[in-house]
All heavy atoms as atom14 arrays in JSON, in Angstrom:
{
  "sequence": "EAKGRLTWALPVVIGMLLAPGHLAVRADMKQHSDNRYLNDLSGDGVY",
  "atom14_mask": [
    [1, 1, 1, 1, 1, 1, 1, 1, 1, 0, 0, 0, 0, 0],
    [1, 1, 1, 1, 1, 0, 0, 0, 0, 0, 0, 0, 0, 0],
    [1, 1, 1, 1, 1, 1, 1, 1, 1, 0, 0, 0, 0, 0],
    [1, 1, 1, 1, 0, 0, 0, 0, 0, 0, 0, 0, 0, 0],
    [1, 1, 1, 1, 1, 1, 1, 1, 1, 1, 1, 0, 0, 0],
    [1, 1, 1, 1, 1, 1, 1, 1, 0, 0, 0, 0, 0, 0],
    [1, 1, 1, 1, 1, 1, 1, 0, 0, 0, 0, 0, 0, 0],
    [1, 1, 1, 1, 1, 1, 1, 1, 1, 1, 1, 1, 1, 1],
    [1, 1, 1, 1, 1, 0, 0, 0, 0, 0, 0, 0, 0, 0],
    [1, 1, 1, 1, 1, 1, 1, 1, 0, 0, 0, 0, 0, 0],
    [1, 1, 1, 1, 1, 1, 1, 0, 0, 0, 0, 0, 0, 0],
    [1, 1, 1, 1, 1, 1, 1, 0, 0, 0, 0, 0, 0, 0],
    [1, 1, 1, 1, 1, 1, 1, 0, 0, 0, 0, 0, 0, 0],
    [1, 1, 1, 1, 1, 1, 1, 1, 0, 0, 0, 0, 0, 0],
    [1, 1, 1, 1, 0, 0, 0, 0, 0, 0, 0, 0, 0, 0],
    [1, 1, 1, 1, 1, 1, 1, 1, 0, 0, 0, 0, 0, 0],
    [1, 1, 1, 1, 1, 1, 1, 1, 0, 0, 0, 0, 0, 0],
    [1, 1, 1, 1, 1, 1, 1, 1, 0, 0, 0, 0, 0, 0],
    [1, 1, 1, 1, 1, 0, 0, 0, 0, 0, 0, 0, 0, 0],
    [1, 1, 1, 1, 1, 1, 1, 0, 0, 0, 0, 0, 0, 0],
    [1, 1, 1, 1, 0, 0, 0, 0, 0, 0, 0, 0, 0, 0],
    [1, 1, 1, 1, 1, 1, 1, 1, 1, 1, 0, 0, 0, 0],
    [1, 1, 1, 1, 1, 1, 1, 1, 0, 0, 0, 0, 0, 0],
    [1, 1, 1, 1, 1, 0, 0, 0, 0, 0, 0, 0, 0, 0],
    [1, 1, 1, 1, 1, 1, 1, 0, 0, 0, 0, 0, 0, 0],
    [1, 1, 1, 1, 1, 1, 1, 1, 1, 1, 1, 0, 0, 0],
    [1, 1, 1, 1, 1, 0, 0, 0, 0, 0, 0, 0, 0, 0],
    [1, 1, 1, 1, 1, 1, 1, 1, 0, 0, 0, 0, 0, 0],
    [1, 1, 1, 1, 1, 1, 1, 1, 0, 0, 0, 0, 0, 0],
    [1, 1, 1, 1, 1, 1, 1, 1, 1, 0, 0, 0, 0, 0],
    [1, 1, 1, 1, 1, 1, 1, 1, 1, 0, 0, 0, 0, 0],
    [1, 1, 1, 1, 1, 1, 1, 1, 1, 1, 0, 0, 0, 0],
    [1, 1, 1, 1, 1, 1, 0, 0, 0, 0, 0, 0, 0, 0],
    [1, 1, 1, 1, 1, 1, 1, 1, 0, 0, 0, 0, 0, 0],
    [1, 1, 1, 1, 1, 1, 1, 1, 0, 0, 0, 0, 0, 0],
    [1, 1, 1, 1, 1, 1, 1, 1, 1, 1, 1, 0, 0, 0],
    [1, 1, 1, 1, 1, 1, 1, 1, 1, 1, 1, 1, 0, 0],
    [1, 1, 1, 1, 1, 1, 1, 1, 0, 0, 0, 0, 0, 0],
    [1, 1, 1, 1, 1, 1, 1, 1, 0, 0, 0, 0, 0, 0],
    [1, 1, 1, 1, 1, 1, 1, 1, 0, 0, 0, 0, 0, 0],
    [1, 1, 1, 1, 1, 1, 1, 1, 0, 0, 0, 0, 0, 0],
    [1, 1, 1, 1, 1, 1, 0, 0, 0, 0, 0, 0, 0, 0],
    [1, 1, 1, 1, 0, 0, 0, 0, 0, 0, 0, 0, 0, 0],
    [1, 1, 1, 1, 1, 1, 1, 1, 0, 0, 0, 0, 0, 0],
    [1, 1, 1, 1, 0, 0, 0, 0, 0, 0, 0, 0, 0, 0],
    [1, 1, 1, 1, 1, 1, 1, 0, 0, 0, 0, 0, 0, 0],
    [1, 1, 1, 1, 1, 1, 1, 1, 1, 1, 1, 1, 0, 0]
  ],
  "atom14_positions": [
    [[-6.21, -36.74, -1.21], [-5.88, -37.99, -1.78], [-6.58, -39.24, -1.34], [-6.93, -40.06, -2.07], [-4.31, -38.19, -1.61], [-3.45, -36.97, -2.04], [-1.92, -37.19, -1.77], [-1.55, -38.36, -1.28], [-1.08, -36.21, -2.03], [0.0, 0.0, 0.0], [0.0, 0.0, 0.0], [0.0, 0.0, 0.0], [0.0, 0.0, 0.0], [0.0, 0.0, 0.0]],
    [[-6.68, -39.2, -0.05], [-7.41, -40.37, 0.56], [-7.9, -40.13, 1.94], [-7.2, -39.37, 2.64], [-6.46, -41.69, 0.56], [0.0, 0.0, 0.0], [0.0, 0.0, 0.0], [0.0, 0.0, 0.0], [0.0, 0.0, 0.0], [0.0, 0.0, 0.0], [0.0, 0.0, 0.0], [0.0, 0.0, 0.0], [0.0, 0.0, 0.0], [0.0, 0.0, 0.0]],
    [[-8.9, -40.66, 2.36], [-9.42, -40.5, 3.75], [-8.58, -41.25, 4.74], [-8.42, -40.87, 5.9], [-10.87, -40.89, 3.82], [-11.93, -40.05, 3.14], [-13.3, -40.18, 3.75], [-13.69, -41.51, 3.89], [-14.98, -41.68, 4.59], [0.0, 0.0, 0.0], [0.0, 0.0, 0.0], [0.0, 0.0, 0.0], [0.0, 0.0, 0.0], [0.0, 0.0, 0.0]],
    [[-8.02, -42.31, 4.35], [-7.36, -43.17, 5.26], [-8.21, -44.31, 5.74], [-9.48, -44.13, 5.84], [0.0, 0.0, 0.0], [0.0, 0.0, 0.0], [0.0, 0.0, 0.0], [0.0, 0.0, 0.0], [0.0, 0.0, 0.0], [0.0, 0.0, 0.0], [0.0, 0.0, 0.0], [0.0, 0.0, 0.0], [0.0, 0.0, 0.0], [0.0, 0.0, 0.0]],
    [[-7.63, -45.46, 5.97], [-8.4, -46.63, 6.38], [-8.94, -46.51, 7.72], [-9.9, -47.26, 8.1], [-7.52, -47.84, 6.24], [-7.26, -48.3, 4.74], [-6.19, -49.29, 4.69], [-4.92, -48.79, 5.2], [-3.74, -49.54, 5.17], [-3.83, -50.67, 4.57], [-2.67, -49.06, 5.62], [0.0, 0.0, 0.0], [0.0, 0.0, 0.0], [0.0, 0.0, 0.0]],
    [[-8.41, -45.61, 8.56], [-8.92, -45.6, 9.95], [-9.85, -44.44, 10.19], [-10.31, -44.22, 11.36], [-7.76, -45.52, 10.96], [-6.77, -46.69, 10.93], [-5.7, -46.5, 11.94], [-7.54, -48.02, 11.34], [0.0, 0.0, 0.0], [0.0, 0.0, 0.0], [0.0, 0.0, 0.0], [0.0, 0.0, 0.0], [0.0, 0.0, 0.0], [0.0, 0.0, 0.0]],
    [[-10.07, -43.61, 9.31], [-11.04, -42.4, 9.51], [-12.42, -42.78, 9.9], [-13.08, -42.14, 10.84], [-11.09, -41.54, 8.33], [-9.81, -41.1, 7.89], [-11.9, -40.34, 8.51], [0.0, 0.0, 0.0], [0.0, 0.0, 0.0], [0.0, 0.0, 0.0], [0.0, 0.0, 0.0], [0.0, 0.0, 0.0], [0.0, 0.0, 0.0], [0.0, 0.0, 0.0]],
    [[-12.9, -44.06, 9.49], [-14.24, -44.38, 9.93], [-14.26, -44.69, 11.42], [-15.34, -44.47, 12.08], [-14.66, -45.68, 9.1], [-13.61, -46.95, 9.74], [-12.52, -47.28, 9.04], [-13.85, -47.82, 10.81], [-11.9, -48.31, 9.65], [-12.76, -48.63, 10.81], [-14.82, -47.85, 11.76], [-12.52, -49.62, 11.86], [-14.61, -48.73, 12.64], [-13.53, -49.69, 12.74]],
    [[-13.27, -44.97, 12.01], [-13.13, -45.11, 13.52], [-13.09, -43.7, 14.41], [-13.26, -43.89, 15.49], [-11.92, -46.03, 13.91], [0.0, 0.0, 0.0], [0.0, 0.0, 0.0], [0.0, 0.0, 0.0], [0.0, 0.0, 0.0], [0.0, 0.0, 0.0], [0.0, 0.0, 0.0], [0.0, 0.0, 0.0], [0.0, 0.0, 0.0], [0.0, 0.0, 0.0]],
    [[-12.96, -42.66, 13.69], [-12.83, -41.37, 14.43], [-13.89, -41.14, 15.19], [-13.72, -41.01, 16.62], [-12.61, -40.34, 13.4], [-12.29, -38.83, 13.96], [-11.22, -38.85, 14.85], [-12.14, -37.87, 12.75], [0.0, 0.0, 0.0], [0.0, 0.0, 0.0], [0.0, 0.0, 0.0], [0.0, 0.0, 0.0], [0.0, 0.0, 0.0], [0.0, 0.0, 0.0]],
    [[-15.21, -41.03, 14.8], [-16.25, -40.7, 15.76], [-16.49, -41.84, 16.77], [-16.93, -41.56, 17.9], [-17.59, -40.55, 14.88], [-17.13, -41.39, 13.54], [-15.69, -41.22, 13.51], [0.0, 0.0, 0.0], [0.0, 0.0, 0.0], [0.0, 0.0, 0.0], [0.0, 0.0, 0.0], [0.0, 0.0, 0.0], [0.0, 0.0, 0.0], [0.0, 0.0, 0.0]],
    [[-16.29, -43.01, 16.48], [-16.49, -44.22, 17.48], [-15.41, -44.07, 18.61], [-15.82, -43.98, 19.75], [-16.24, -45.47, 16.65], [-16.29, -46.74, 17.74], [-17.22, -45.58, 15.59], [0.0, 0.0, 0.0], [0.0, 0.0, 0.0], [0.0, 0.0, 0.0], [0.0, 0.0, 0.0], [0.0, 0.0, 0.0], [0.0, 0.0, 0.0], [0.0, 0.0, 0.0]],
    [[-14.07, -43.83, 18.3], [-13.18, -43.63, 19.27], [-13.34, -42.38, 20.22], [-13.37, -42.56, 21.38], [-11.8, -43.59, 18.59], [-10.68, -43.22, 19.72], [-11.36, -44.9, 17.94], [0.0, 0.0, 0.0], [0.0, 0.0, 0.0], [0.0, 0.0, 0.0], [0.0, 0.0, 0.0], [0.0, 0.0, 0.0], [0.0, 0.0, 0.0], [0.0, 0.0, 0.0]],
    [[-13.71, -41.35, 19.59], [-13.99, -40.0, 20.38], [-15.26, -40.3, 21.21], [-15.26, -39.9, 22.36], [-14.26, -38.9, 19.44], [-12.81, -38.49, 18.69], [-14.69, -37.66, 20.08], [-13.12, -37.71, 17.56], [0.0, 0.0, 0.0], [0.0, 0.0, 0.0], [0.0, 0.0, 0.0], [0.0, 0.0, 0.0], [0.0, 0.0, 0.0], [0.0, 0.0, 0.0]],
    [[-16.31, -40.94, 20.64], [-17.56, -41.2, 21.45], [-17.28, -42.14, 22.62], [-17.73, -41.87, 23.7], [0.0, 0.0, 0.0], [0.0, 0.0, 0.0], [0.0, 0.0, 0.0], [0.0, 0.0, 0.0], [0.0, 0.0, 0.0], [0.0, 0.0, 0.0], [0.0, 0.0, 0.0], [0.0, 0.0, 0.0], [0.0, 0.0, 0.0], [0.0, 0.0, 0.0]],
    [[-16.4, -43.13, 22.45], [-16.02, -44.11, 23.48], [-15.25, -43.39, 24.65], [-15.26, -43.77, 25.85], [-15.2, -45.21, 22.98], [-16.16, -46.13, 22.1], [-15.16, -47.5, 21.35], [-14.55, -48.41, 22.71], [0.0, 0.0, 0.0], [0.0, 0.0, 0.0], [0.0, 0.0, 0.0], [0.0, 0.0, 0.0], [0.0, 0.0, 0.0], [0.0, 0.0, 0.0]],
    [[-14.48, -42.38, 24.24], [-13.69, -41.56, 25.21], [-14.56, -40.53, 25.97], [-14.45, -40.25, 27.23], [-12.47, -40.93, 24.64], [-11.34, -41.82, 24.01], [-10.32, -41.05, 23.33], [-10.85, -42.59, 25.19], [0.0, 0.0, 0.0], [0.0, 0.0, 0.0], [0.0, 0.0, 0.0], [0.0, 0.0, 0.0], [0.0, 0.0, 0.0], [0.0, 0.0, 0.0]],
    [[-15.58, -39.96, 25.2], [-16.28, -38.95, 25.82], [-17.34, -39.49, 26.81], [-17.51, -38.67, 27.9], [-17.22, -38.23, 24.75], [-16.58, -37.23, 23.79], [-17.45, -36.67, 22.76], [-16.12, -36.06, 24.64], [0.0, 0.0, 0.0], [0.0, 0.0, 0.0], [0.0, 0.0, 0.0], [0.0, 0.0, 0.0], [0.0, 0.0, 0.0], [0.0, 0.0, 0.0]],
    [[-17.84, -40.66, 26.58], [-18.76, -41.21, 27.61], [-18.25, -41.35, 28.97], [-18.83, -40.82, 29.93], [-19.36, -42.55, 27.13], [0.0, 0.0, 0.0], [0.0, 0.0, 0.0], [0.0, 0.0, 0.0], [0.0, 0.0, 0.0], [0.0, 0.0, 0.0], [0.0, 0.0, 0.0], [0.0, 0.0, 0.0], [0.0, 0.0, 0.0], [0.0, 0.0, 0.0]],
    [[-17.1, -42.03, 29.24], [-16.59, -42.05, 30.62], [-16.0, -40.64, 31.01], [-15.99, -40.45, 32.19], [-15.34, -43.06, 30.45], [-15.12, -43.09, 28.92], [-16.31, -42.78, 28.26], [0.0, 0.0, 0.0], [0.0, 0.0, 0.0], [0.0, 0.0, 0.0], [0.0, 0.0, 0.0], [0.0, 0.0, 0.0], [0.0, 0.0, 0.0], [0.0, 0.0, 0.0]],
    [[-15.56, -39.87, 29.98], [-15.07, -38.59, 30.38], [-16.2, -37.67, 31.08], [-15.94, -37.11, 32.02], [0.0, 0.0, 0.0], [0.0, 0.0, 0.0], [0.0, 0.0, 0.0], [0.0, 0.0, 0.0], [0.0, 0.0, 0.0], [0.0, 0.0, 0.0], [0.0, 0.0, 0.0], [0.0, 0.0, 0.0], [0.0, 0.0, 0.0], [0.0, 0.0, 0.0]],
    [[-17.31, -37.71, 30.52], [-18.39, -36.95, 31.15], [-18.93, -37.43, 32.43], [-19.38, -36.76, 33.32], [-19.67, -36.89, 30.16], [-19.56, -35.9, 29.02], [-19.49, -34.54, 29.32], [-19.35, -36.0, 27.73], [-19.35, -33.89, 28.15], [-19.17, -34.74, 27.21], [0.0, 0.0, 0.0], [0.0, 0.0, 0.0], [0.0, 0.0, 0.0], [0.0, 0.0, 0.0]],
    [[-18.75, -38.8, 32.67], [-19.02, -39.44, 33.88], [-18.02, -39.09, 35.06], [-18.4, -38.9, 36.21], [-19.32, -40.92, 33.76], [-20.41, -41.42, 32.94], [-20.4, -42.95, 32.66], [-21.69, -41.04, 33.68], [0.0, 0.0, 0.0], [0.0, 0.0, 0.0], [0.0, 0.0, 0.0], [0.0, 0.0, 0.0], [0.0, 0.0, 0.0], [0.0, 0.0, 0.0]],
    [[-16.8, -39.08, 34.53], [-15.59, -38.84, 35.41], [-15.41, -37.43, 35.89], [-15.14, -37.12, 37.06], [-14.38, -39.43, 34.91], [0.0, 0.0, 0.0], [0.0, 0.0, 0.0], [0.0, 0.0, 0.0], [0.0, 0.0, 0.0], [0.0, 0.0, 0.0], [0.0, 0.0, 0.0], [0.0, 0.0, 0.0], [0.0, 0.0, 0.0], [0.0, 0.0, 0.0]],
    [[-15.68, -36.47, 34.91], [-15.52, -35.05, 35.21], [-16.64, -34.41, 35.71], [-17.8, -34.54, 35.11], [-14.83, -34.4, 33.92], [-14.62, -32.9, 34.15], [-13.62, -35.03, 33.43], [0.0, 0.0, 0.0], [0.0, 0.0, 0.0], [0.0, 0.0, 0.0], [0.0, 0.0, 0.0], [0.0, 0.0, 0.0], [0.0, 0.0, 0.0], [0.0, 0.0, 0.0]],
    [[-16.58, -33.76, 36.9], [-17.65, -33.06, 37.52], [-17.21, -31.55, 37.49], [-16.12, -31.12, 37.61], [-18.01, -33.52, 38.92], [-18.13, -35.01, 39.0], [-18.6, -35.42, 40.49], [-17.65, -34.8, 41.41], [-16.45, -35.38, 41.87], [-16.06, -36.55, 41.32], [-15.73, -34.76, 42.6], [0.0, 0.0, 0.0], [0.0, 0.0, 0.0], [0.0, 0.0, 0.0]],
    [[-18.35, -30.71, 37.52], [-18.11, -29.25, 37.56], [-17.38, -28.87, 38.74], [-16.61, -27.76, 38.88], [-19.44, -28.59, 37.4], [0.0, 0.0, 0.0], [0.0, 0.0, 0.0], [0.0, 0.0, 0.0], [0.0, 0.0, 0.0], [0.0, 0.0, 0.0], [0.0, 0.0, 0.0], [0.0, 0.0, 0.0], [0.0, 0.0, 0.0], [0.0, 0.0, 0.0]],
    [[-17.63, -29.62, 39.89], [-16.98, -29.02, 41.19], [-15.53, -29.38, 41.3], [-14.8, -29.09, 42.15], [-17.71, -29.62, 42.42], [-17.7, -31.21, 42.39], [-17.12, -31.76, 41.55], [-18.42, -31.78, 43.26], [0.0, 0.0, 0.0], [0.0, 0.0, 0.0], [0.0, 0.0, 0.0], [0.0, 0.0, 0.0], [0.0, 0.0, 0.0], [0.0, 0.0, 0.0]],
    [[-15.04, -30.09, 40.26], [-13.5, -30.33, 40.16], [-12.67, -29.13, 39.99], [-11.55, -29.15, 40.28], [-13.19, -31.39, 39.11], [-13.61, -32.79, 39.46], [-13.16, -33.96, 38.1], [-13.66, -35.55, 38.85], [0.0, 0.0, 0.0], [0.0, 0.0, 0.0], [0.0, 0.0, 0.0], [0.0, 0.0, 0.0], [0.0, 0.0, 0.0], [0.0, 0.0, 0.0]],
    [[-13.31, -28.05, 39.64], [-12.51, -26.74, 39.48], [-12.34, -26.1, 40.82], [-11.51, -25.25, 40.85], [-13.41, -25.82, 38.62], [-14.65, -25.34, 39.24], [-15.35, -24.34, 38.31], [-16.68, -23.89, 38.87], [-17.42, -22.97, 38.03], [0.0, 0.0, 0.0], [0.0, 0.0, 0.0], [0.0, 0.0, 0.0], [0.0, 0.0, 0.0], [0.0, 0.0, 0.0]],
    [[-13.08, -26.67, 41.95], [-12.82, -26.04, 43.15], [-11.51, -26.53, 43.87], [-11.47, -27.71, 44.2], [-13.94, -26.35, 44.12], [-15.33, -26.09, 43.5], [-15.65, -24.56, 43.46], [-15.08, -23.72, 44.12], [-16.4, -24.15, 42.5], [0.0, 0.0, 0.0], [0.0, 0.0, 0.0], [0.0, 0.0, 0.0], [0.0, 0.0, 0.0], [0.0, 0.0, 0.0]],
    [[-10.54, -25.74, 43.94], [-9.33, -26.12, 44.52], [-8.66, -25.02, 45.38], [-7.51, -25.17, 45.95], [-8.24, -26.49, 43.43], [-7.87, -25.44, 42.41], [-6.86, -24.48, 42.73], [-8.54, -24.99, 41.28], [-6.89, -23.76, 41.66], [-7.87, -23.84, 40.82], [0.0, 0.0, 0.0], [0.0, 0.0, 0.0], [0.0, 0.0, 0.0], [0.0, 0.0, 0.0]],
    [[-9.4, -23.88, 45.51], [-8.76, -22.7, 46.22], [-9.83, -21.96, 46.93], [-10.97, -22.15, 46.7], [-8.11, -21.79, 45.13], [-7.65, -20.58, 45.79], [0.0, 0.0, 0.0], [0.0, 0.0, 0.0], [0.0, 0.0, 0.0], [0.0, 0.0, 0.0], [0.0, 0.0, 0.0], [0.0, 0.0, 0.0], [0.0, 0.0, 0.0], [0.0, 0.0, 0.0]],
    [[-9.32, -21.21, 48.02], [-10.2, -20.45, 48.73], [-10.53, -19.05, 47.94], [-11.41, -18.4, 48.28], [-9.54, -19.89, 50.1], [-9.51, -21.17, 50.99], [-10.35, -22.02, 50.84], [-8.61, -21.2, 51.84], [0.0, 0.0, 0.0], [0.0, 0.0, 0.0], [0.0, 0.0, 0.0], [0.0, 0.0, 0.0], [0.0, 0.0, 0.0], [0.0, 0.0, 0.0]],
    [[-9.8, -18.89, 46.76], [-9.93, -17.73, 45.96], [-10.97, -18.11, 44.88], [-10.71, -18.97, 44.01], [-8.66, -17.23, 45.34], [-8.79, -16.01, 44.58], [-9.65, -15.89, 43.7], [-7.97, -14.88, 45.02], [0.0, 0.0, 0.0], [0.0, 0.0, 0.0], [0.0, 0.0, 0.0], [0.0, 0.0, 0.0], [0.0, 0.0, 0.0], [0.0, 0.0, 0.0]],
    [[-12.17, -17.48, 44.9], [-13.2, -18.0, 43.92], [-12.77, -17.64, 42.5], [-13.23, -18.35, 41.58], [-14.57, -17.38, 44.25], [-14.74, -15.91, 43.87], [-16.28, -15.65, 44.15], [-16.47, -14.2, 43.78], [-16.89, -13.86, 42.48], [-16.88, -14.74, 41.57], [-17.11, -12.53, 42.17], [0.0, 0.0, 0.0], [0.0, 0.0, 0.0], [0.0, 0.0, 0.0]],
    [[-12.03, -16.68, 42.35], [-11.64, -16.35, 40.92], [-10.67, -17.51, 40.34], [-10.83, -17.81, 39.15], [-10.75, -15.06, 40.9], [-11.62, -13.83, 41.05], [-11.66, -13.12, 42.25], [-12.58, -13.45, 40.12], [-12.42, -11.82, 42.52], [-13.35, -12.3, 40.27], [-13.42, -11.54, 41.57], [-14.1, -10.49, 41.59], [0.0, 0.0, 0.0], [0.0, 0.0, 0.0]],
    [[-9.93, -17.98, 41.17], [-8.98, -19.12, 40.61], [-9.81, -20.3, 40.35], [-9.59, -20.99, 39.39], [-8.01, -19.43, 41.75], [-6.9, -18.4, 41.97], [-6.0, -18.84, 43.12], [-6.05, -18.12, 40.65], [0.0, 0.0, 0.0], [0.0, 0.0, 0.0], [0.0, 0.0, 0.0], [0.0, 0.0, 0.0], [0.0, 0.0, 0.0], [0.0, 0.0, 0.0]],
    [[-10.82, -20.56, 41.14], [-11.71, -21.73, 40.83], [-12.52, -21.38, 39.54], [-12.62, -22.34, 38.63], [-12.68, -21.9, 41.96], [-12.01, -22.4, 43.27], [-10.93, -23.01, 43.23], [-12.59, -22.06, 44.38], [0.0, 0.0, 0.0], [0.0, 0.0, 0.0], [0.0, 0.0, 0.0], [0.0, 0.0, 0.0], [0.0, 0.0, 0.0], [0.0, 0.0, 0.0]],
    [[-13.03, -20.24, 39.32], [-13.8, -19.98, 38.18], [-12.92, -20.05, 36.87], [-13.25, -20.55, 35.94], [-14.48, -18.54, 38.3], [-15.65, -18.55, 39.19], [-16.26, -19.58, 39.39], [-15.98, -17.45, 39.71], [0.0, 0.0, 0.0], [0.0, 0.0, 0.0], [0.0, 0.0, 0.0], [0.0, 0.0, 0.0], [0.0, 0.0, 0.0], [0.0, 0.0, 0.0]],
    [[-11.61, -19.55, 37.09], [-10.74, -19.47, 35.86], [-10.43, -21.03, 35.5], [-10.16, -21.29, 34.36], [-9.49, -18.78, 36.28], [-9.52, -17.18, 36.29], [-8.37, -16.72, 36.88], [-9.75, -16.74, 34.88], [0.0, 0.0, 0.0], [0.0, 0.0, 0.0], [0.0, 0.0, 0.0], [0.0, 0.0, 0.0], [0.0, 0.0, 0.0], [0.0, 0.0, 0.0]],
    [[-10.49, -21.89, 36.45], [-10.13, -23.28, 36.24], [-11.22, -24.04, 35.39], [-11.03, -25.15, 34.94], [-9.88, -24.06, 37.56], [-8.89, -23.43, 38.22], [0.0, 0.0, 0.0], [0.0, 0.0, 0.0], [0.0, 0.0, 0.0], [0.0, 0.0, 0.0], [0.0, 0.0, 0.0], [0.0, 0.0, 0.0], [0.0, 0.0, 0.0], [0.0, 0.0, 0.0]],
    [[-12.31, -23.48, 35.12], [-13.36, -24.07, 34.37], [-13.3, -23.65, 32.95], [-12.49, -23.07, 32.54], [0.0, 0.0, 0.0], [0.0, 0.0, 0.0], [0.0, 0.0, 0.0], [0.0, 0.0, 0.0], [0.0, 0.0, 0.0], [0.0, 0.0, 0.0], [0.0, 0.0, 0.0], [0.0, 0.0, 0.0], [0.0, 0.0, 0.0], [0.0, 0.0, 0.0]],
    [[-14.35, -24.2, 32.28], [-14.53, -23.82, 30.82], [-15.87, -23.37, 30.61], [-16.84, -23.97, 30.96], [-14.24, -25.1, 30.02], [-14.45, -24.89, 28.51], [-15.69, -25.02, 28.07], [-13.48, -24.59, 27.79], [0.0, 0.0, 0.0], [0.0, 0.0, 0.0], [0.0, 0.0, 0.0], [0.0, 0.0, 0.0], [0.0, 0.0, 0.0], [0.0, 0.0, 0.0]],
    [[-16.09, -22.25, 29.85], [-17.37, -21.55, 29.69], [-18.34, -22.5, 29.07], [-19.46, -22.6, 29.55], [0.0, 0.0, 0.0], [0.0, 0.0, 0.0], [0.0, 0.0, 0.0], [0.0, 0.0, 0.0], [0.0, 0.0, 0.0], [0.0, 0.0, 0.0], [0.0, 0.0, 0.0], [0.0, 0.0, 0.0], [0.0, 0.0, 0.0], [0.0, 0.0, 0.0]],
    [[-17.89, -23.27, 27.95], [-18.88, -24.06, 27.34], [-19.32, -25.23, 28.24], [-20.43, -25.51, 28.39], [-18.17, -24.75, 26.05], [-19.12, -25.77, 25.39], [-17.88, -23.6, 25.01], [0.0, 0.0, 0.0], [0.0, 0.0, 0.0], [0.0, 0.0, 0.0], [0.0, 0.0, 0.0], [0.0, 0.0, 0.0], [0.0, 0.0, 0.0], [0.0, 0.0, 0.0]],
    [[-18.39, -25.77, 29.05], [-18.73, -27.01, 29.86], [-19.67, -26.39, 30.98], [-20.66, -27.06, 31.33], [-17.46, -27.48, 30.48], [-17.67, -28.63, 31.37], [-17.77, -29.99, 30.9], [-17.98, -28.44, 32.72], [-17.98, -31.01, 31.8], [-18.22, -29.5, 33.59], [-18.3, -30.82, 33.17], [-18.5, -31.9, 33.91], [0.0, 0.0, 0.0], [0.0, 0.0, 0.0]]
  ]
}
């Protein structure tokens, strides 16, 4: 029926959130245990 008046802002808002997100999130943040399996499970394969 309609795209909606705010759809144009979708990529802008997501992009503005992604930039600080990639700066703030580091791969080593998954390290929280002496068990390496738990650390590996805490990650994401794509990331």
